């Protein structure tokens, strides 16, 4: 799974905005016949976030091979700590 993007704190809204994309990794199709599309059964099931090692919270459920992400996560008055974001495949 590949998750790539940038984020920043937006003080006026009290949130953290993350913009990027998530996509599954594929295997190269080495079949000499056909369309030669790369192969995968995986999907990006959900995008999750958590603060300071807490419980993961689902923030998006794309259920797609690739998805654009543009989310704002409320900071609820936090002024420090760690925010983690991950892409998850249910399989």
N, C-alpha and C. Protein backbone atom coordinates (compact mmCIF):
# COMPACT_ATOMS: atom_id res chain seq x y z
N UNK A 1 0.86 -1.16 0.00
CA UNK A 1 0.00 0.00 0.00
C UNK A 1 0.90 1.22 0.00
N UNK A 2 0.57 2.18 -0.82
CA UNK A 2 1.31 3.44 -0.90
C UNK A 2 0.41 4.57 -0.46
N UNK A 3 0.89 5.37 0.48
CA UNK A 3 0.18 6.56 0.94
C UNK A 3 1.15 7.71 0.82
N UNK A 4 0.77 8.73 0.07
CA UNK A 4 1.64 9.87 -0.19
C UNK A 4 0.83 11.15 -0.13
N UNK A 5 1.37 12.17 0.50
CA UNK A 5 0.64 13.43 0.55
C UNK A 5 1.34 14.44 1.44
N UNK A 6 0.69 15.57 1.62
CA UNK A 6 1.20 16.63 2.48
C UNK A 6 0.06 17.11 3.37
N UNK A 7 0.45 17.64 4.52
CA UNK A 7 -0.56 18.14 5.44
C UNK A 7 -0.09 19.39 6.15
N UNK A 8 -1.04 20.10 6.72
CA UNK A 8 -0.71 21.30 7.49
C UNK A 8 -1.83 21.60 8.47
N UNK A 9 -1.45 22.26 9.55
CA UNK A 9 -2.42 22.71 10.53
C UNK A 9 -3.08 23.98 9.99
N UNK A 10 -4.40 24.03 10.09
CA UNK A 10 -5.16 25.22 9.70
C UNK A 10 -5.71 25.85 10.98
N UNK A 11 -4.98 26.84 11.53
CA UNK A 11 -5.35 27.43 12.81
C UNK A 11 -6.76 28.02 12.85
N UNK A 12 -7.20 28.60 11.75
CA UNK A 12 -8.53 29.24 11.75
C UNK A 12 -9.66 28.24 11.93
N UNK A 13 -9.47 27.00 11.47
CA UNK A 13 -10.53 25.99 11.62
C UNK A 13 -10.22 25.01 12.76
N UNK A 14 -9.01 25.06 13.31
CA UNK A 14 -8.63 24.13 14.37
C UNK A 14 -8.54 22.70 13.89
N UNK A 15 -8.06 22.54 12.64
CA UNK A 15 -7.97 21.19 12.07
C UNK A 15 -6.65 21.00 11.35
N UNK A 16 -6.39 19.75 11.01
CA UNK A 16 -5.22 19.37 10.22
C UNK A 16 -5.73 18.90 8.87
N UNK A 17 -5.28 19.51 7.79
CA UNK A 17 -5.74 19.13 6.46
C UNK A 17 -4.66 18.31 5.78
N UNK A 18 -5.05 17.14 5.28
CA UNK A 18 -4.15 16.24 4.57
C UNK A 18 -4.67 16.05 3.15
N UNK A 19 -3.80 16.26 2.17
CA UNK A 19 -4.15 16.09 0.76
C UNK A 19 -3.12 15.15 0.14
N UNK A 20 -3.59 14.11 -0.51
CA UNK A 20 -2.67 13.16 -1.12
C UNK A 20 -3.40 12.07 -1.86
N UNK A 21 -2.76 10.90 -1.93
CA UNK A 21 -3.39 9.77 -2.59
C UNK A 21 -2.91 8.48 -1.94
N UNK A 22 -3.71 7.46 -2.08
CA UNK A 22 -3.38 6.12 -1.62
C UNK A 22 -3.66 5.16 -2.76
N UNK A 23 -2.78 4.19 -2.91
CA UNK A 23 -3.02 3.17 -3.94
C UNK A 23 -2.37 1.87 -3.55
N UNK A 24 -2.91 0.79 -4.07
CA UNK A 24 -2.37 -0.53 -3.79
C UNK A 24 -1.16 -0.78 -4.68
N UNK A 25 -0.33 -1.68 -4.22
CA UNK A 25 0.81 -2.10 -5.03
C UNK A 25 0.32 -3.23 -5.94
N UNK A 26 0.92 -3.36 -7.09
CA UNK A 26 0.51 -4.39 -8.06
C UNK A 26 1.69 -5.29 -8.40
N UNK A 27 1.37 -6.44 -8.95
CA UNK A 27 2.39 -7.34 -9.49
C UNK A 27 2.42 -7.17 -10.99
N UNK A 28 3.60 -7.16 -11.58
CA UNK A 28 3.66 -7.03 -13.03
C UNK A 28 3.07 -8.26 -13.71
N UNK A 29 2.31 -8.03 -14.76
CA UNK A 29 1.72 -9.11 -15.54
C UNK A 29 2.73 -9.51 -16.61
N UNK A 30 3.26 -10.70 -16.48
CA UNK A 30 4.29 -11.17 -17.42
C UNK A 30 3.71 -12.09 -18.50
N UNK A 31 2.40 -12.13 -18.58
CA UNK A 31 1.75 -12.95 -19.60
C UNK A 31 1.99 -12.28 -20.96
N UNK A 32 2.56 -12.98 -21.93
CA UNK A 32 2.85 -12.37 -23.23
C UNK A 32 1.59 -12.11 -24.07
N UNK A 33 0.45 -12.67 -23.66
CA UNK A 33 -0.80 -12.46 -24.38
C UNK A 33 -1.70 -11.50 -23.62
N UNK A 34 -2.65 -10.92 -24.28
CA UNK A 34 -3.65 -10.09 -23.61
C UNK A 34 -3.20 -8.65 -23.43
N UNK A 35 -3.85 -7.96 -22.48
CA UNK A 35 -3.63 -6.53 -22.28
C UNK A 35 -2.39 -6.21 -21.45
N UNK A 36 -1.84 -7.19 -20.75
CA UNK A 36 -0.64 -7.02 -19.91
C UNK A 36 -0.85 -6.03 -18.77
N UNK A 37 -2.11 -5.90 -18.28
CA UNK A 37 -2.37 -5.05 -17.12
C UNK A 37 -1.73 -5.66 -15.88
N UNK A 38 -1.19 -4.82 -15.00
CA UNK A 38 -0.64 -5.31 -13.75
C UNK A 38 -1.76 -5.94 -12.92
N UNK A 39 -1.38 -6.78 -11.95
CA UNK A 39 -2.33 -7.63 -11.25
C UNK A 39 -2.43 -7.26 -9.77
N UNK A 40 -3.66 -7.18 -9.26
CA UNK A 40 -3.88 -7.04 -7.82
C UNK A 40 -5.31 -7.44 -7.48
N UNK A 41 -5.48 -7.97 -6.29
CA UNK A 41 -6.81 -8.24 -5.75
C UNK A 41 -7.13 -7.28 -4.62
N UNK A 42 -6.14 -6.50 -4.21
CA UNK A 42 -6.28 -5.61 -3.06
C UNK A 42 -6.98 -4.31 -3.45
N UNK A 43 -7.55 -3.67 -2.44
CA UNK A 43 -8.16 -2.35 -2.60
C UNK A 43 -7.84 -1.51 -1.37
N UNK A 44 -7.85 -0.22 -1.52
CA UNK A 44 -7.75 0.68 -0.38
C UNK A 44 -9.14 0.67 0.26
N UNK A 45 -9.26 -0.04 1.37
CA UNK A 45 -10.56 -0.19 2.02
C UNK A 45 -10.94 1.07 2.80
N UNK A 46 -9.95 1.61 3.52
CA UNK A 46 -10.25 2.79 4.32
C UNK A 46 -8.97 3.58 4.63
N UNK A 47 -9.17 4.83 4.96
CA UNK A 47 -8.12 5.72 5.43
C UNK A 47 -8.42 5.97 6.90
N UNK A 48 -7.40 5.81 7.75
CA UNK A 48 -7.60 5.95 9.18
C UNK A 48 -6.60 6.95 9.77
N UNK A 49 -6.97 7.51 10.92
CA UNK A 49 -6.08 8.44 11.63
C UNK A 49 -6.19 8.17 13.12
N UNK A 50 -5.11 8.52 13.85
CA UNK A 50 -5.13 8.42 15.31
C UNK A 50 -4.17 9.45 15.90
N UNK A 51 -4.45 9.83 17.12
CA UNK A 51 -3.61 10.76 17.86
C UNK A 51 -2.83 10.02 18.94
N UNK A 52 -1.55 10.28 19.03
CA UNK A 52 -0.70 9.79 20.12
C UNK A 52 -0.86 8.30 20.43
N UNK A 53 -0.90 7.47 19.40
CA UNK A 53 -0.98 6.03 19.60
C UNK A 53 -2.33 5.52 20.08
N UNK A 54 -3.36 6.36 19.97
CA UNK A 54 -4.70 5.97 20.41
C UNK A 54 -5.39 5.04 19.43
N UNK A 55 -6.69 4.97 19.53
CA UNK A 55 -7.50 4.11 18.67
C UNK A 55 -7.58 4.69 17.27
N UNK A 56 -7.43 3.82 16.26
CA UNK A 56 -7.56 4.25 14.87
C UNK A 56 -9.03 4.59 14.59
N UNK A 57 -9.26 5.71 13.93
CA UNK A 57 -10.59 6.16 13.54
C UNK A 57 -10.67 6.22 12.01
N UNK A 58 -11.71 5.65 11.44
CA UNK A 58 -11.90 5.70 9.98
C UNK A 58 -12.32 7.10 9.58
N UNK A 59 -11.62 7.66 8.59
CA UNK A 59 -11.96 8.99 8.10
C UNK A 59 -12.43 8.98 6.64
N UNK A 60 -12.20 7.86 5.95
CA UNK A 60 -12.67 7.73 4.57
C UNK A 60 -12.71 6.25 4.22
N UNK A 61 -13.70 5.83 3.40
CA UNK A 61 -13.83 4.44 2.97
C UNK A 61 -13.96 4.38 1.44
N UNK A 62 -12.84 4.48 0.72
CA UNK A 62 -12.93 4.55 -0.74
C UNK A 62 -13.21 3.21 -1.43
N UNK A 63 -12.74 2.08 -0.88
CA UNK A 63 -12.91 0.76 -1.50
C UNK A 63 -12.54 0.81 -2.98
N UNK A 64 -11.32 1.27 -3.26
CA UNK A 64 -10.85 1.45 -4.64
C UNK A 64 -9.37 1.06 -4.74
N UNK A 65 -8.90 0.84 -5.96
CA UNK A 65 -7.49 0.52 -6.18
C UNK A 65 -6.60 1.75 -5.93
N UNK A 66 -7.14 2.92 -6.21
CA UNK A 66 -6.44 4.17 -6.01
C UNK A 66 -7.46 5.24 -5.64
N UNK A 67 -7.10 6.14 -4.73
CA UNK A 67 -8.04 7.17 -4.31
C UNK A 67 -7.31 8.46 -3.97
N UNK A 68 -7.92 9.56 -4.29
CA UNK A 68 -7.44 10.87 -3.87
C UNK A 68 -7.95 11.12 -2.46
N UNK A 69 -7.13 11.78 -1.66
CA UNK A 69 -7.50 12.06 -0.28
C UNK A 69 -7.44 13.56 -0.05
N UNK A 70 -8.49 14.11 0.50
CA UNK A 70 -8.53 15.52 0.91
C UNK A 70 -9.42 15.56 2.14
N UNK A 71 -8.78 15.46 3.32
CA UNK A 71 -9.53 15.37 4.57
C UNK A 71 -9.05 16.43 5.57
N UNK A 72 -9.97 16.86 6.40
CA UNK A 72 -9.65 17.74 7.52
C UNK A 72 -9.97 16.99 8.80
N UNK A 73 -9.01 16.93 9.70
CA UNK A 73 -9.15 16.19 10.95
C UNK A 73 -9.15 17.20 12.09
N UNK A 74 -10.23 17.22 12.85
CA UNK A 74 -10.35 18.16 13.97
C UNK A 74 -9.28 17.87 15.01
N UNK A 75 -8.59 18.91 15.45
CA UNK A 75 -7.54 18.76 16.45
C UNK A 75 -8.07 18.84 17.88
N UNK A 76 -9.30 19.27 18.06
CA UNK A 76 -9.97 19.31 19.37
C UNK A 76 -9.09 19.96 20.44
N UNK A 77 -8.50 21.11 20.12
CA UNK A 77 -7.71 21.86 21.09
C UNK A 77 -6.30 21.36 21.32
N UNK A 78 -5.88 20.32 20.60
CA UNK A 78 -4.51 19.81 20.78
C UNK A 78 -3.51 20.83 20.24
N UNK A 79 -2.44 21.04 20.99
CA UNK A 79 -1.39 21.96 20.54
C UNK A 79 -0.08 21.22 20.31
N UNK A 80 -0.03 19.94 20.70
CA UNK A 80 1.16 19.13 20.45
C UNK A 80 0.74 17.66 20.41
N UNK A 81 1.66 16.81 20.01
CA UNK A 81 1.39 15.39 19.93
C UNK A 81 1.66 14.86 18.54
N UNK A 82 1.29 13.61 18.32
CA UNK A 82 1.53 12.94 17.06
C UNK A 82 0.22 12.53 16.41
N UNK A 83 0.07 12.87 15.14
CA UNK A 83 -1.07 12.44 14.34
C UNK A 83 -0.55 11.47 13.29
N UNK A 84 -1.13 10.27 13.24
CA UNK A 84 -0.75 9.27 12.24
C UNK A 84 -1.91 9.05 11.28
N UNK A 85 -1.59 8.86 10.01
CA UNK A 85 -2.59 8.57 8.98
C UNK A 85 -2.10 7.33 8.23
N UNK A 86 -3.04 6.40 7.97
CA UNK A 86 -2.65 5.19 7.23
C UNK A 86 -3.75 4.79 6.26
N UNK A 87 -3.34 4.02 5.24
CA UNK A 87 -4.27 3.41 4.29
C UNK A 87 -4.32 1.92 4.62
N UNK A 88 -5.53 1.33 4.61
CA UNK A 88 -5.72 -0.05 5.05
C UNK A 88 -6.43 -0.85 3.97
N UNK A 89 -5.96 -2.09 3.76
CA UNK A 89 -6.63 -3.05 2.89
C UNK A 89 -7.24 -4.11 3.81
N UNK A 90 -8.55 -4.31 3.76
CA UNK A 90 -9.21 -5.29 4.63
C UNK A 90 -8.72 -6.71 4.39
N UNK A 91 -8.23 -7.00 3.19
CA UNK A 91 -7.74 -8.35 2.91
C UNK A 91 -6.40 -8.52 3.57
